[in-house]
Every structure is written in C-alpha cells, then in structure tokens.
Amino acid sequence: MYKRILLKISGEALAGEHGVGIDPKRVDDVVNQLVTLHNNGLQIGIVVGGGNFWRGRQGTHMDRTTADHMGMLATVMNALALQDAIEAKNISTRVQTAISINQIAEPYILRKALKHFDKGRIVIFACGTGNPYFSTDSGAALRAAEIKADVLLMAKNIDGVYDKDPNKFKDAHKYDRITYMDVINQGLSVMDLTSITMCKENNIPIIAFGLNIPNSLVDAAMGEKIGTLIS
C-alpha cells in the first residue's frame, strides 16, 4: 500500500517486558519484520526513542537542555543496536544523527538520506530534532514530512489509541479511526501536540499500533486493519 514509510519505535517498545535496556528477542522480531518489508520493496526510515535508557523529563534536578541532550544520546544507543541487528541480516543500513557524532554515525543530511533510500538502504534517524524541548515524536513527524513518507507508523506498547489509559480503566474505548483534531481536542496521549499538528499540516496519516502483537509492523505497513488510523 505504501512506497516509503517512517517508523517511530519508542525506547520502551524495544525494552519489551523489562521496561529498561534492550530486549534481544524484541529487537530480533522487529528486524525480521523490517526484512520482510524491505524485501517487498518498501523504503524504510526509522526514528527511535530513548526512554528505555533515559527520558529528558527524568532530569527534574538538572537543566532541561542538559537532560534532553542526555535523552538524545540514549536514542543513539538504540539506533546502533538496530543497525547492528539489521545488518546481521545482510541489509545495508545507515544511522544519521541530528547532532554530530561523526565517529559512529552520519550527520543528518536529507539529500543523503534520500540517496540511501534509492540504493535500498534502511535509514535510522537518531537524536530527535537535535533540539531540546522537542520529543522524539516531534522528530518522527519532522522526518516523515522531510522524506515525504506515505505514512507514519507509531509502534508502541499499547495496541492503538484509547479514550483513556487502558492499563488503568477496564472500560477504556479503543478507536479504529480518529481525526487529528479529535486527538488534539480530547488531549489523547498518542503524540504530543507539536507532533500531531505537524502531521495534520502536512497531511501525513498516522497508524498507532502495538509492537507486541505478532506481525503487527508488517500488517500496518501493508495497509491491513490494525491499531488506530489517525488522518
């Protein structure tokens, strides 16, 4: 259904049931699905979070800019782990970072990223937007707009968008489809306001789905009914 996708993976999703660190089984499952999509001709960009190691808002005792920069570095660790696992499957991959770490990754350059797609490489974008006070969700929305992705896939630990936290409320209702404005007006916690607004302004559909569901990434990228469609 799509030619080019932007996948946003939260750090917590990579941690699996452990909640912290990297779960090798979860990473292997994600990578196997990425291989399937790559072999079907999809161009794949990935933005990865860092919450399994550090989130900027944890640094309540420190300067916000410093705390956010620490979070950016956490995304680099996840990006390198994904790159290593993908290249173990013999698929060429590039990590591009929004802050310069030239010894281990390329700086983010849009034209280079597009050339990587043309050459069949998977591109992993780390460090969010490279600016403090912006989440990695904002980084995902920005990169999706820049690379002209057909869809933004939000891989989370919850299988879609609910009207309230399904972990706390048994009567939480899951949406199959919802509009950008409904997400904004109801204050639903799928993405922050900056991110959802950017997707709305650039007409980028979003599919929020649970990464713990078998084959969910392939199903979402292939246009199967899964999770919640925001458009």
C-alpha atoms as a PDB file:
ATOM      1  CA  MET A   1       0.000   0.000   0.000  1.00  0.00           C
ATOM      2  CA  TYR A   2       2.879   2.362   0.772  1.00  0.00           C
ATOM      3  CA  LYS A   3       6.159   3.042  -1.003  1.00  0.00           C
ATOM      4  CA  ARG A   4       8.050   4.870   1.768  1.00  0.00           C
ATOM      5  CA  ILE A   5       7.301   4.582   5.465  1.00  0.00           C
ATOM      6  CA  LEU A   6       8.612   6.310   8.576  1.00  0.00           C
ATOM      7  CA  LEU A   7       8.557   4.018  11.597  1.00  0.00           C
ATOM      8  CA  LYS A   8       8.729   5.530  15.085  1.00  0.00           C
ATOM      9  CA  ILE A   9       9.773   2.993  17.713  1.00  0.00           C
ATOM     10  CA  SER A  10       9.684   4.036  21.329  1.00  0.00           C
ATOM     11  CA  GLY A  11      12.584   3.029  23.522  1.00  0.00           C
ATOM     12  CA  GLU A  12      10.158   1.295  25.867  1.00  0.00           C
ATOM     13  CA  ALA A  13       8.921  -0.873  22.998  1.00  0.00           C
ATOM     14  CA  LEU A  14      12.484  -2.079  22.363  1.00  0.00           C
ATOM     15  CA  ALA A  15      12.837  -2.905  26.058  1.00  0.00           C
ATOM     16  CA  GLY A  16       9.928  -5.342  25.889  1.00  0.00           C
ATOM     17  CA  GLU A  17       8.554  -6.553  29.209  1.00  0.00           C
ATOM     18  CA  HIS A  18      11.716  -5.493  31.035  1.00  0.00           C
ATOM     19  CA  GLY A  19      10.922  -1.802  30.653  1.00  0.00           C
ATOM     20  CA  VAL A  20      14.603  -0.843  30.588  1.00  0.00           C
ATOM     21  CA  GLY A  21      17.541  -1.743  28.362  1.00  0.00           C
ATOM     22  CA  ILE A  22      17.201  -3.654  25.099  1.00  0.00           C
ATOM     23  CA  ASP A  23      15.353  -6.943  24.756  1.00  0.00           C
ATOM     24  CA  PRO A  24      17.213  -9.019  22.097  1.00  0.00           C
ATOM     25  CA  LYS A  25      14.085 -11.053  21.323  1.00  0.00           C
ATOM     26  CA  ARG A  26      12.014  -7.920  20.720  1.00  0.00           C
ATOM     27  CA  VAL A  27      14.730  -6.405  18.529  1.00  0.00           C
ATOM     28  CA  ASP A  28      15.032  -9.645  16.538  1.00  0.00           C
ATOM     29  CA  ASP A  29      11.265  -9.725  15.985  1.00  0.00           C
ATOM     30  CA  VAL A  30      11.248  -6.106  14.789  1.00  0.00           C
ATOM     31  CA  VAL A  31      14.198  -6.694  12.481  1.00  0.00           C
ATOM     32  CA  ASN A  32      12.645  -9.819  10.935  1.00  0.00           C
ATOM     33  CA  GLN A  33       9.562  -7.765  10.081  1.00  0.00           C
ATOM     34  CA  LEU A  34      11.723  -4.979   8.646  1.00  0.00           C
ATOM     35  CA  VAL A  35      13.457  -7.560   6.457  1.00  0.00           C
ATOM     36  CA  THR A  36      10.075  -8.713   5.150  1.00  0.00           C
ATOM     37  CA  LEU A  37       9.066  -5.148   4.292  1.00  0.00           C
ATOM     38  CA  HIS A  38      12.450  -4.387   2.724  1.00  0.00           C
ATOM     39  CA  ASN A  39      12.220  -7.500   0.569  1.00  0.00           C
ATOM     40  CA  ASN A  40       8.791  -6.338  -0.586  1.00  0.00           C
ATOM     41  CA  GLY A  41      10.354  -3.151  -1.929  1.00  0.00           C
ATOM     42  CA  LEU A  42       9.384  -0.649   0.781  1.00  0.00           C
ATOM     43  CA  GLN A  43      11.715   2.228   1.564  1.00  0.00           C
ATOM     44  CA  ILE A  44      12.109   2.404   5.335  1.00  0.00           C
ATOM     45  CA  GLY A  45      13.088   5.245   7.619  1.00  0.00           C
ATOM     46  CA  ILE A  46      13.142   4.762  11.383  1.00  0.00           C
ATOM     47  CA  VAL A  47      13.098   7.230  14.247  1.00  0.00           C
ATOM     48  CA  VAL A  48      13.911   5.615  17.576  1.00  0.00           C
ATOM     49  CA  GLY A  49      13.250   6.910  21.078  1.00  0.00           C
ATOM     50  CA  GLY A  50      15.473   6.549  24.108  1.00  0.00           C
ATOM     51  CA  GLY A  51      13.078   6.081  27.021  1.00  0.00           C
ATOM     52  CA  ASN A  52      14.440   2.635  27.846  1.00  0.00           C
ATOM     53  CA  PHE A  53      17.639   4.377  28.965  1.00  0.00           C
ATOM     54  CA  TRP A  54      16.755   7.994  29.726  1.00  0.00           C
ATOM     55  CA  ARG A  55      13.939  10.460  29.178  1.00  0.00           C
ATOM     56  CA  GLY A  56      14.563  14.189  29.356  1.00  0.00           C
ATOM     57  CA  ARG A  57      11.737  14.712  31.814  1.00  0.00           C
ATOM     58  CA  GLN A  58      13.519  12.428  34.294  1.00  0.00           C
ATOM     59  CA  GLY A  59      16.096  15.156  34.832  1.00  0.00           C
ATOM     60  CA  THR A  60      13.958  17.253  37.178  1.00  0.00           C
ATOM     61  CA  HIS A  61      17.060  18.053  39.220  1.00  0.00           C
ATOM     62  CA  MET A  62      19.082  19.381  36.269  1.00  0.00           C
ATOM     63  CA  ASP A  63      18.953  21.897  33.471  1.00  0.00           C
ATOM     64  CA  ARG A  64      16.287  20.890  30.907  1.00  0.00           C
ATOM     65  CA  THR A  65      18.643  21.311  27.954  1.00  0.00           C
ATOM     66  CA  THR A  66      21.220  19.014  29.553  1.00  0.00           C
ATOM     67  CA  ALA A  67      18.579  16.399  30.365  1.00  0.00           C
ATOM     68  CA  ASP A  68      17.238  16.484  26.795  1.00  0.00           C
ATOM     69  CA  HIS A  69      20.725  16.115  25.339  1.00  0.00           C
ATOM     70  CA  MET A  70      21.182  13.015  27.504  1.00  0.00           C
ATOM     71  CA  GLY A  71      17.950  11.675  26.011  1.00  0.00           C
ATOM     72  CA  MET A  72      19.298  12.277  22.514  1.00  0.00           C
ATOM     73  CA  LEU A  73      22.378  10.209  23.330  1.00  0.00           C
ATOM     74  CA  ALA A  74      20.098   7.413  24.553  1.00  0.00           C
ATOM     75  CA  THR A  75      18.442   7.317  21.111  1.00  0.00           C
ATOM     76  CA  VAL A  76      21.862   6.802  19.529  1.00  0.00           C
ATOM     77  CA  MET A  77      22.408   3.639  21.571  1.00  0.00           C
ATOM     78  CA  ASN A  78      19.099   2.232  20.356  1.00  0.00           C
ATOM     79  CA  ALA A  79      19.835   3.271  16.765  1.00  0.00           C
ATOM     80  CA  LEU A  80      23.201   1.492  16.787  1.00  0.00           C
ATOM     81  CA  ALA A  81      21.608  -1.631  18.269  1.00  0.00           C
ATOM     82  CA  LEU A  82      19.007  -1.666  15.497  1.00  0.00           C
ATOM     83  CA  GLN A  83      21.651  -1.047  12.832  1.00  0.00           C
ATOM     84  CA  ASP A  84      23.747  -3.942  14.095  1.00  0.00           C
ATOM     85  CA  ALA A  85      20.752  -6.301  14.141  1.00  0.00           C
ATOM     86  CA  ILE A  86      19.556  -5.254  10.659  1.00  0.00           C
ATOM     87  CA  GLU A  87      22.986  -5.552   9.063  1.00  0.00           C
ATOM     88  CA  ALA A  88      23.322  -9.024  10.590  1.00  0.00           C
ATOM     89  CA  LYS A  89      20.503  -9.874   8.126  1.00  0.00           C
ATOM     90  CA  ASN A  90      22.661  -8.545   5.251  1.00  0.00           C
ATOM     91  CA  ILE A  91      20.653  -5.365   4.688  1.00  0.00           C
ATOM     92  CA  SER A  92      22.659  -2.170   4.330  1.00  0.00           C
ATOM     93  CA  THR A  93      21.736   0.414   6.957  1.00  0.00           C
ATOM     94  CA  ARG A  94      22.767   3.954   7.827  1.00  0.00           C
ATOM     95  CA  VAL A  95      22.390   5.818  11.111  1.00  0.00           C
ATOM     96  CA  GLN A  96      22.027   9.589  10.797  1.00  0.00           C
ATOM     97  CA  THR A  97      22.117  11.795  13.874  1.00  0.00           C
ATOM     98  CA  ALA A  98      20.710  15.288  14.340  1.00  0.00           C
ATOM     99  CA  ILE A  99      23.752  16.184  16.469  1.00  0.00           C
ATOM    100  CA  SER A 100      27.237  15.448  15.165  1.00  0.00           C
ATOM    101  CA  ILE A 101      28.808  12.182  16.340  1.00  0.00           C
ATOM    102  CA  ASN A 102      30.905  11.619  13.244  1.00  0.00           C
ATOM    103  CA  GLN A 103      32.942   8.716  14.611  1.00  0.00           C
ATOM    104  CA  ILE A 104      29.916   6.419  14.812  1.00  0.00           C
ATOM    105  CA  ALA A 105      27.210   7.844  12.522  1.00  0.00           C
ATOM    106  CA  GLU A 106      26.499  10.227   9.671  1.00  0.00           C
ATOM    107  CA  PRO A 107      25.144  13.705  10.360  1.00  0.00           C
ATOM    108  CA  TYR A 108      21.551  14.095   9.231  1.00  0.00           C
ATOM    109  CA  ILE A 109      21.505  15.342   5.641  1.00  0.00           C
ATOM    110  CA  LEU A 110      18.202  14.999   3.791  1.00  0.00           C
ATOM    111  CA  ARG A 111      19.714  14.536   0.338  1.00  0.00           C
ATOM    112  CA  LYS A 112      21.984  11.750   1.587  1.00  0.00           C
ATOM    113  CA  ALA A 113      19.045  10.045   3.294  1.00  0.00           C
ATOM    114  CA  LEU A 114      17.051  10.107   0.054  1.00  0.00           C
ATOM    115  CA  LYS A 115      20.004   8.625  -1.858  1.00  0.00           C
ATOM    116  CA  HIS A 116      20.244   5.863   0.740  1.00  0.00           C
ATOM    117  CA  PHE A 117      16.575   5.034   0.112  1.00  0.00           C
ATOM    118  CA  ASP A 118      17.201   4.907  -3.640  1.00  0.00           C
ATOM    119  CA  LYS A 119      20.042   2.448  -3.014  1.00  0.00           C
ATOM    120  CA  GLY A 120      17.833   0.163  -0.961  1.00  0.00           C
ATOM    121  CA  ARG A 121      19.236   1.080   2.445  1.00  0.00           C
ATOM    122  CA  ILE A 122      17.290   1.433   5.665  1.00  0.00           C
ATOM    123  CA  VAL A 123      17.948   4.779   7.354  1.00  0.00           C
ATOM    124  CA  ILE A 124      17.737   5.193  11.138  1.00  0.00           C
ATOM    125  CA  PHE A 125      17.354   8.759  12.394  1.00  0.00           C
ATOM    126  CA  ALA A 126      18.640   9.397  15.920  1.00  0.00           C
ATOM    127  CA  CYS A 127      18.725  12.383  18.317  1.00  0.00           C
ATOM    128  CA  GLY A 128      15.189  13.526  17.518  1.00  0.00           C
ATOM    129  CA  THR A 129      15.207  17.008  16.011  1.00  0.00           C
ATOM    130  CA  GLY A 130      18.587  17.785  17.599  1.00  0.00           C
ATOM    131  CA  ASN A 131      16.970  20.455  19.758  1.00  0.00           C
ATOM    132  CA  PRO A 132      15.995  20.398  23.437  1.00  0.00           C
ATOM    133  CA  TYR A 133      12.331  20.822  24.394  1.00  0.00           C
ATOM    134  CA  PHE A 134      11.255  18.656  21.440  1.00  0.00           C
ATOM    135  CA  SER A 135      10.293  14.994  21.795  1.00  0.00           C
ATOM    136  CA  THR A 136      11.359  12.154  19.516  1.00  0.00           C
ATOM    137  CA  ASP A 137       7.704  12.112  18.377  1.00  0.00           C
ATOM    138  CA  SER A 138       8.363  15.608  17.029  1.00  0.00           C
ATOM    139  CA  GLY A 139      11.485  14.220  15.371  1.00  0.00           C
ATOM    140  CA  ALA A 140       9.404  11.481  13.760  1.00  0.00           C
ATOM    141  CA  ALA A 141       6.809  13.924  12.433  1.00  0.00           C
ATOM    142  CA  LEU A 142       9.539  16.212  11.111  1.00  0.00           C
ATOM    143  CA  ARG A 143      11.472  13.429   9.360  1.00  0.00           C
ATOM    144  CA  ALA A 144       8.268  11.975   7.919  1.00  0.00           C
ATOM    145  CA  ALA A 145       7.473  15.363   6.388  1.00  0.00           C
ATOM    146  CA  GLU A 146      11.015  15.883   5.104  1.00  0.00           C
ATOM    147  CA  ILE A 147      11.385  12.493   3.418  1.00  0.00           C
ATOM    148  CA  LYS A 148       7.780  12.677   2.171  1.00  0.00           C
ATOM    149  CA  ALA A 149       6.792   9.431   3.840  1.00  0.00           C
ATOM    150  CA  ASP A 150       3.441   7.972   2.808  1.00  0.00           C
ATOM    151  CA  VAL A 151       2.616   7.097   6.418  1.00  0.00           C
ATOM    152  CA  LEU A 152       3.976   7.479   9.929  1.00  0.00           C
ATOM    153  CA  LEU A 153       3.845   4.204  11.860  1.00  0.00           C
ATOM    154  CA  MET A 154       3.848   4.652  15.645  1.00  0.00           C
ATOM    155  CA  ALA A 155       4.995   1.420  17.310  1.00  0.00           C
ATOM    156  CA  LYS A 156       4.121   1.432  20.989  1.00  0.00           C
ATOM    157  CA  ASN A 157       3.403  -0.887  23.907  1.00  0.00           C
ATOM    158  CA  ILE A 158      -0.350  -0.205  23.550  1.00  0.00           C
ATOM    159  CA  ASP A 159      -2.288  -1.580  20.576  1.00  0.00           C
ATOM    160  CA  GLY A 160      -3.854   1.703  19.475  1.00  0.00           C
ATOM    161  CA  VAL A 161      -5.416   4.951  20.660  1.00  0.00           C
ATOM    162  CA  TYR A 162      -7.859   4.839  23.580  1.00  0.00           C
ATOM    163  CA  ASP A 163     -10.105   7.458  25.134  1.00  0.00           C
ATOM    164  CA  LYS A 164      -8.307   6.793  28.444  1.00  0.00           C
ATOM    165  CA  ASP A 165      -5.473   4.678  29.771  1.00  0.00           C
ATOM    166  CA  PRO A 166      -6.439   1.002  29.188  1.00  0.00           C
ATOM    167  CA  ASN A 167      -3.938  -0.059  31.841  1.00  0.00           C
ATOM    168  CA  LYS A 168      -5.929   1.849  34.459  1.00  0.00           C
ATOM    169  CA  PHE A 169      -9.503   1.705  33.174  1.00  0.00           C
ATOM    170  CA  LYS A 170     -11.185  -1.536  32.084  1.00  0.00           C
ATOM    171  CA  ASP A 171     -13.872   0.406  30.202  1.00  0.00           C
ATOM    172  CA  ALA A 172     -11.353   2.262  28.008  1.00  0.00           C
ATOM    173  CA  HIS A 173     -12.577   2.501  24.403  1.00  0.00           C
ATOM    174  CA  LYS A 174     -10.178   1.868  21.500  1.00  0.00           C
ATOM    175  CA  TYR A 175     -10.594   3.918  18.328  1.00  0.00           C
ATOM    176  CA  ASP A 176     -10.236   2.246  14.934  1.00  0.00           C
ATOM    177  CA  ARG A 177     -10.112   5.640  13.187  1.00  0.00           C
ATOM    178  CA  ILE A 178      -9.882   9.150  14.538  1.00  0.00           C
ATOM    179  CA  THR A 179      -9.083  12.599  13.158  1.00  0.00           C
ATOM    180  CA  TYR A 180      -6.122  14.776  14.002  1.00  0.00           C
ATOM    181  CA  MET A 181      -8.446  17.352  15.555  1.00  0.00           C
ATOM    182  CA  ASP A 182     -10.138  14.763  17.768  1.00  0.00           C
ATOM    183  CA  VAL A 183      -6.731  13.748  19.101  1.00  0.00           C
ATOM    184  CA  ILE A 184      -5.905  17.399  19.779  1.00  0.00           C
ATOM    185  CA  ASN A 185      -9.275  18.385  21.261  1.00  0.00           C
ATOM    186  CA  GLN A 186      -9.521  15.328  23.506  1.00  0.00           C
ATOM    187  CA  GLY A 187      -5.892  15.534  24.576  1.00  0.00           C
ATOM    188  CA  LEU A 188      -5.274  11.886  23.697  1.00  0.00           C
ATOM    189  CA  SER A 189      -1.774  10.689  24.559  1.00  0.00           C
ATOM    190  CA  VAL A 190      -0.649   9.193  21.269  1.00  0.00           C
ATOM    191  CA  MET A 191       1.728  12.025  20.324  1.00  0.00           C
ATOM    192  CA  ASP A 192       2.467  15.448  21.727  1.00  0.00           C
ATOM    193  CA  LEU A 193       0.644  18.482  20.362  1.00  0.00           C
ATOM    194  CA  THR A 194       3.586  19.672  18.252  1.00  0.00           C
ATOM    195  CA  SER A 195       3.876  16.292  16.533  1.00  0.00           C
ATOM    196  CA  ILE A 196       0.209  15.756  15.768  1.00  0.00           C
ATOM    197  CA  THR A 197      -0.117  19.330  14.479  1.00  0.00           C
ATOM    198  CA  MET A 198       2.834  18.851  12.137  1.00  0.00           C
ATOM    199  CA  CYS A 199       1.292  15.667  10.749  1.00  0.00           C
ATOM    200  CA  LYS A 200      -2.041  17.425  10.274  1.00  0.00           C
ATOM    201  CA  GLU A 201      -0.487  20.376   8.457  1.00  0.00           C
ATOM    202  CA  ASN A 202       1.448  18.046   6.133  1.00  0.00           C
ATOM    203  CA  ASN A 203      -1.391  15.546   5.683  1.00  0.00           C
ATOM    204  CA  ILE A 204       0.659  12.598   6.973  1.00  0.00           C
ATOM    205  CA  PRO A 205      -1.570   9.695   8.098  1.00  0.00           C
ATOM    206  CA  ILE A 206      -0.548   8.029  11.346  1.00  0.00           C
ATOM    207  CA  ILE A 207      -1.086   4.415  12.357  1.00  0.00           C
ATOM    208  CA  ALA A 208      -0.615   3.749  16.076  1.00  0.00           C
ATOM    209  CA  PHE A 209      -0.256   0.055  16.875  1.00  0.00           C
ATOM    210  CA  GLY A 210       1.177  -2.353  19.431  1.00  0.00           C
ATOM    211  CA  LEU A 211       4.592  -3.746  18.656  1.00  0.00           C
ATOM    212  CA  ASN A 212       3.924  -6.733  20.910  1.00  0.00           C
ATOM    213  CA  ILE A 213       1.248  -8.047  18.541  1.00  0.00           C
ATOM    214  CA  PRO A 214       2.650 -10.734  16.177  1.00  0.00           C
ATOM    215  CA  ASN A 215       3.483  -9.388  12.706  1.00  0.00           C
ATOM    216  CA  SER A 216       1.923  -6.016  13.576  1.00  0.00           C
ATOM    217  CA  LEU A 217       4.585  -3.945  11.824  1.00  0.00           C
ATOM    218  CA  VAL A 218       4.179  -5.828   8.543  1.00  0.00           C
ATOM    219  CA  ASP A 219       0.380  -5.624   8.780  1.00  0.00           C
ATOM    220  CA  ALA A 220       0.469  -1.869   9.442  1.00  0.00           C
ATOM    221  CA  ALA A 221       2.888  -1.172   6.580  1.00  0.00           C
ATOM    222  CA  MET A 222       0.876  -3.351   4.188  1.00  0.00           C
ATOM    223  CA  GLY A 223      -2.345  -1.491   4.900  1.00  0.00           C
ATOM    224  CA  GLU A 224      -4.064  -4.197   6.957  1.00  0.00           C
ATOM    225  CA  LYS A 225      -6.608  -3.092   9.555  1.00  0.00           C
ATOM    226  CA  ILE A 226      -4.619  -2.795  12.775  1.00  0.00           C
ATOM    227  CA  GLY A 227      -4.274  -0.328  15.617  1.00  0.00           C
ATOM    228  CA  THR A 228      -5.727   3.151  15.109  1.00  0.00           C
ATOM    229  CA  LEU A 229      -5.601   5.258  11.938  1.00  0.00           C
ATOM    230  CA  ILE A 230      -5.263   8.996  12.549  1.00  0.00           C
ATOM    231  CA  SER A 231      -5.957  11.126   9.481  1.00  0.00           C
END
